[in-house]
Amino acid sequence: MIQSLEIPDPFATFVAHKYANFKGMKYDFFSGEWDMACGACKEPLNAPTKKILTKIRLYHTRNECLGGY
């Protein structure tokens, strides 16, 4: 029987468990970008800053995803 001698990264597992069911904007430390899924169509959205992600989300939901209000 072969055992895995690789030690899991405690930080990565902590972050994975902490944000497993989170439904808003998340900052990815390693890529340096903000990520989220569209609330209506679940399409992944990402941007370099939180402010730009908010603008992308509003444009996407108002024009592409829902086709207007």
N, C-alpha and C. Protein backbone atom coordinates (compact mmCIF):
# COMPACT_ATOMS: atom_id res chain seq x y z
N MET A 1 0.85 -1.18 0.00
CA MET A 1 0.00 0.00 0.00
C MET A 1 0.89 1.24 0.00
N ILE A 2 0.64 2.15 -0.93
CA ILE A 2 1.43 3.36 -1.05
C ILE A 2 0.72 4.50 -0.31
N GLN A 3 1.47 5.18 0.54
CA GLN A 3 0.89 6.30 1.27
C GLN A 3 1.37 7.61 0.63
N SER A 4 0.50 8.58 0.63
CA SER A 4 0.87 9.88 0.12
C SER A 4 1.60 10.65 1.21
N LEU A 5 2.82 11.07 0.90
CA LEU A 5 3.62 11.82 1.87
C LEU A 5 3.48 13.32 1.69
N GLU A 6 2.61 13.74 0.77
CA GLU A 6 2.40 15.16 0.52
C GLU A 6 1.53 15.75 1.62
N ILE A 7 2.00 16.80 2.24
CA ILE A 7 1.26 17.46 3.32
C ILE A 7 0.36 18.53 2.70
N PRO A 8 -0.94 18.48 2.98
CA PRO A 8 -1.83 19.50 2.41
C PRO A 8 -1.55 20.87 3.00
N ASP A 9 -1.74 21.88 2.18
CA ASP A 9 -1.52 23.26 2.61
C ASP A 9 -2.67 23.67 3.54
N PRO A 10 -2.39 24.01 4.80
CA PRO A 10 -3.48 24.35 5.72
C PRO A 10 -4.20 25.63 5.33
N PHE A 11 -3.49 26.60 4.74
CA PHE A 11 -4.14 27.85 4.33
C PHE A 11 -5.13 27.60 3.20
N ALA A 12 -4.72 26.80 2.23
CA ALA A 12 -5.60 26.53 1.09
C ALA A 12 -6.85 25.76 1.53
N THR A 13 -6.68 24.80 2.41
CA THR A 13 -7.85 24.05 2.87
C THR A 13 -8.76 24.91 3.73
N PHE A 14 -8.19 25.81 4.54
CA PHE A 14 -9.00 26.72 5.35
C PHE A 14 -9.84 27.63 4.47
N VAL A 15 -9.21 28.22 3.45
CA VAL A 15 -9.93 29.13 2.55
C VAL A 15 -11.00 28.37 1.77
N ALA A 16 -10.69 27.16 1.34
CA ALA A 16 -11.67 26.37 0.59
C ALA A 16 -12.89 26.05 1.45
N HIS A 17 -12.69 25.72 2.71
CA HIS A 17 -13.81 25.41 3.59
C HIS A 17 -14.57 26.67 4.00
N LYS A 18 -13.85 27.78 4.19
CA LYS A 18 -14.50 29.01 4.64
C LYS A 18 -15.44 29.57 3.58
N TYR A 19 -15.00 29.54 2.32
CA TYR A 19 -15.79 30.14 1.24
C TYR A 19 -16.51 29.11 0.38
N ALA A 20 -16.78 27.95 0.91
CA ALA A 20 -17.42 26.90 0.11
C ALA A 20 -18.83 27.31 -0.33
N ASN A 21 -19.61 27.95 0.53
CA ASN A 21 -21.00 28.31 0.20
C ASN A 21 -21.20 29.81 0.06
N PHE A 22 -20.13 30.57 -0.13
CA PHE A 22 -20.22 32.03 -0.24
C PHE A 22 -20.76 32.40 -1.61
N LYS A 23 -21.68 33.39 -1.67
CA LYS A 23 -22.34 33.72 -2.92
C LYS A 23 -22.09 35.14 -3.41
N GLY A 24 -21.03 35.79 -3.00
CA GLY A 24 -20.79 37.15 -3.45
C GLY A 24 -19.43 37.29 -4.11
N MET A 25 -18.91 38.50 -4.06
CA MET A 25 -17.59 38.76 -4.62
C MET A 25 -16.51 38.15 -3.74
N LYS A 26 -15.59 37.43 -4.38
CA LYS A 26 -14.46 36.84 -3.65
C LYS A 26 -13.18 37.35 -4.27
N TYR A 27 -12.21 37.67 -3.44
CA TYR A 27 -10.91 38.11 -3.93
C TYR A 27 -9.98 36.91 -3.99
N ASP A 28 -9.45 36.64 -5.17
CA ASP A 28 -8.49 35.56 -5.34
C ASP A 28 -7.10 36.14 -5.12
N PHE A 29 -6.48 35.80 -4.01
CA PHE A 29 -5.19 36.37 -3.63
C PHE A 29 -4.10 36.02 -4.63
N PHE A 30 -4.13 34.81 -5.17
CA PHE A 30 -3.05 34.36 -6.03
C PHE A 30 -3.12 34.98 -7.43
N SER A 31 -4.30 35.18 -7.97
CA SER A 31 -4.41 35.81 -9.28
C SER A 31 -4.57 37.32 -9.17
N GLY A 32 -4.95 37.81 -7.99
CA GLY A 32 -5.11 39.24 -7.79
C GLY A 32 -6.37 39.80 -8.42
N GLU A 33 -7.41 38.97 -8.59
CA GLU A 33 -8.64 39.41 -9.21
C GLU A 33 -9.83 39.12 -8.32
N TRP A 34 -10.91 39.84 -8.58
CA TRP A 34 -12.19 39.60 -7.91
C TRP A 34 -13.03 38.71 -8.80
N ASP A 35 -13.69 37.73 -8.19
CA ASP A 35 -14.51 36.78 -8.93
C ASP A 35 -15.89 36.68 -8.31
N MET A 36 -16.87 36.39 -9.15
CA MET A 36 -18.22 36.09 -8.67
C MET A 36 -19.00 35.43 -9.80
N ALA A 37 -20.13 34.87 -9.48
CA ALA A 37 -21.02 34.30 -10.48
C ALA A 37 -22.26 35.18 -10.57
N CYS A 38 -22.77 35.32 -11.77
CA CYS A 38 -23.99 36.11 -11.98
C CYS A 38 -25.13 35.47 -11.20
N GLY A 39 -25.92 36.28 -10.54
CA GLY A 39 -27.02 35.76 -9.73
C GLY A 39 -28.13 35.12 -10.53
N ALA A 40 -28.31 35.55 -11.78
CA ALA A 40 -29.41 35.03 -12.58
C ALA A 40 -28.99 33.85 -13.46
N CYS A 41 -27.86 33.98 -14.17
CA CYS A 41 -27.49 32.92 -15.12
C CYS A 41 -26.26 32.12 -14.68
N LYS A 42 -25.66 32.48 -13.55
CA LYS A 42 -24.51 31.77 -12.97
C LYS A 42 -23.26 31.83 -13.85
N GLU A 43 -23.19 32.80 -14.76
CA GLU A 43 -21.99 32.96 -15.58
C GLU A 43 -20.87 33.54 -14.73
N PRO A 44 -19.65 33.02 -14.81
CA PRO A 44 -18.56 33.57 -14.00
C PRO A 44 -18.12 34.94 -14.51
N LEU A 45 -17.95 35.87 -13.58
CA LEU A 45 -17.48 37.22 -13.90
C LEU A 45 -16.22 37.48 -13.09
N ASN A 46 -15.25 38.16 -13.67
CA ASN A 46 -14.05 38.53 -12.93
C ASN A 46 -13.51 39.85 -13.42
N ALA A 47 -12.78 40.54 -12.54
CA ALA A 47 -12.24 41.86 -12.84
C ALA A 47 -11.06 42.13 -11.92
N PRO A 48 -10.19 43.07 -12.30
CA PRO A 48 -9.02 43.36 -11.46
C PRO A 48 -9.34 44.10 -10.17
N THR A 49 -10.42 44.87 -10.14
CA THR A 49 -10.79 45.60 -8.92
C THR A 49 -12.26 45.37 -8.61
N LYS A 50 -12.63 45.63 -7.36
CA LYS A 50 -14.01 45.44 -6.93
C LYS A 50 -14.95 46.43 -7.62
N LYS A 51 -14.48 47.64 -7.83
CA LYS A 51 -15.30 48.67 -8.48
C LYS A 51 -15.61 48.28 -9.93
N ILE A 52 -14.62 47.77 -10.64
CA ILE A 52 -14.84 47.35 -12.03
C ILE A 52 -15.75 46.13 -12.08
N LEU A 53 -15.61 45.23 -11.12
CA LEU A 53 -16.49 44.06 -11.08
C LEU A 53 -17.94 44.47 -10.86
N THR A 54 -18.17 45.48 -10.05
CA THR A 54 -19.53 45.98 -9.85
C THR A 54 -20.09 46.53 -11.16
N LYS A 55 -19.28 47.28 -11.91
CA LYS A 55 -19.73 47.82 -13.19
C LYS A 55 -20.01 46.71 -14.19
N ILE A 56 -19.13 45.69 -14.23
CA ILE A 56 -19.34 44.57 -15.14
C ILE A 56 -20.61 43.82 -14.78
N ARG A 57 -20.84 43.61 -13.47
CA ARG A 57 -22.04 42.90 -13.02
C ARG A 57 -23.30 43.66 -13.42
N LEU A 58 -23.31 44.98 -13.19
CA LEU A 58 -24.49 45.78 -13.54
C LEU A 58 -24.74 45.77 -15.04
N TYR A 59 -23.68 45.93 -15.84
CA TYR A 59 -23.86 45.92 -17.29
C TYR A 59 -24.35 44.55 -17.76
N HIS A 60 -23.76 43.50 -17.20
CA HIS A 60 -24.14 42.14 -17.60
C HIS A 60 -25.60 41.85 -17.28
N THR A 61 -26.04 42.15 -16.07
CA THR A 61 -27.41 41.83 -15.70
C THR A 61 -28.42 42.72 -16.41
N ARG A 62 -28.08 43.96 -16.67
CA ARG A 62 -29.05 44.87 -17.28
C ARG A 62 -29.13 44.72 -18.80
N ASN A 63 -28.03 44.32 -19.45
CA ASN A 63 -28.02 44.31 -20.90
C ASN A 63 -27.90 42.92 -21.53
N GLU A 64 -27.07 42.05 -20.95
CA GLU A 64 -26.81 40.77 -21.59
C GLU A 64 -27.69 39.65 -21.02
N CYS A 65 -27.73 39.56 -19.72
CA CYS A 65 -28.35 38.41 -19.07
C CYS A 65 -29.88 38.53 -19.02
N LEU A 66 -30.38 39.59 -18.44
CA LEU A 66 -31.81 39.74 -18.26
C LEU A 66 -32.47 40.55 -19.38
N GLY A 67 -31.68 41.16 -20.23
CA GLY A 67 -32.25 41.89 -21.37
C GLY A 67 -32.96 43.17 -20.97
N GLY A 68 -32.52 43.83 -19.95
CA GLY A 68 -33.18 45.04 -19.48
C GLY A 68 -33.91 44.78 -18.19
N TYR A 69 -34.52 45.79 -17.66
CA TYR A 69 -35.19 45.68 -16.37
C TYR A 69 -36.51 44.97 -16.54
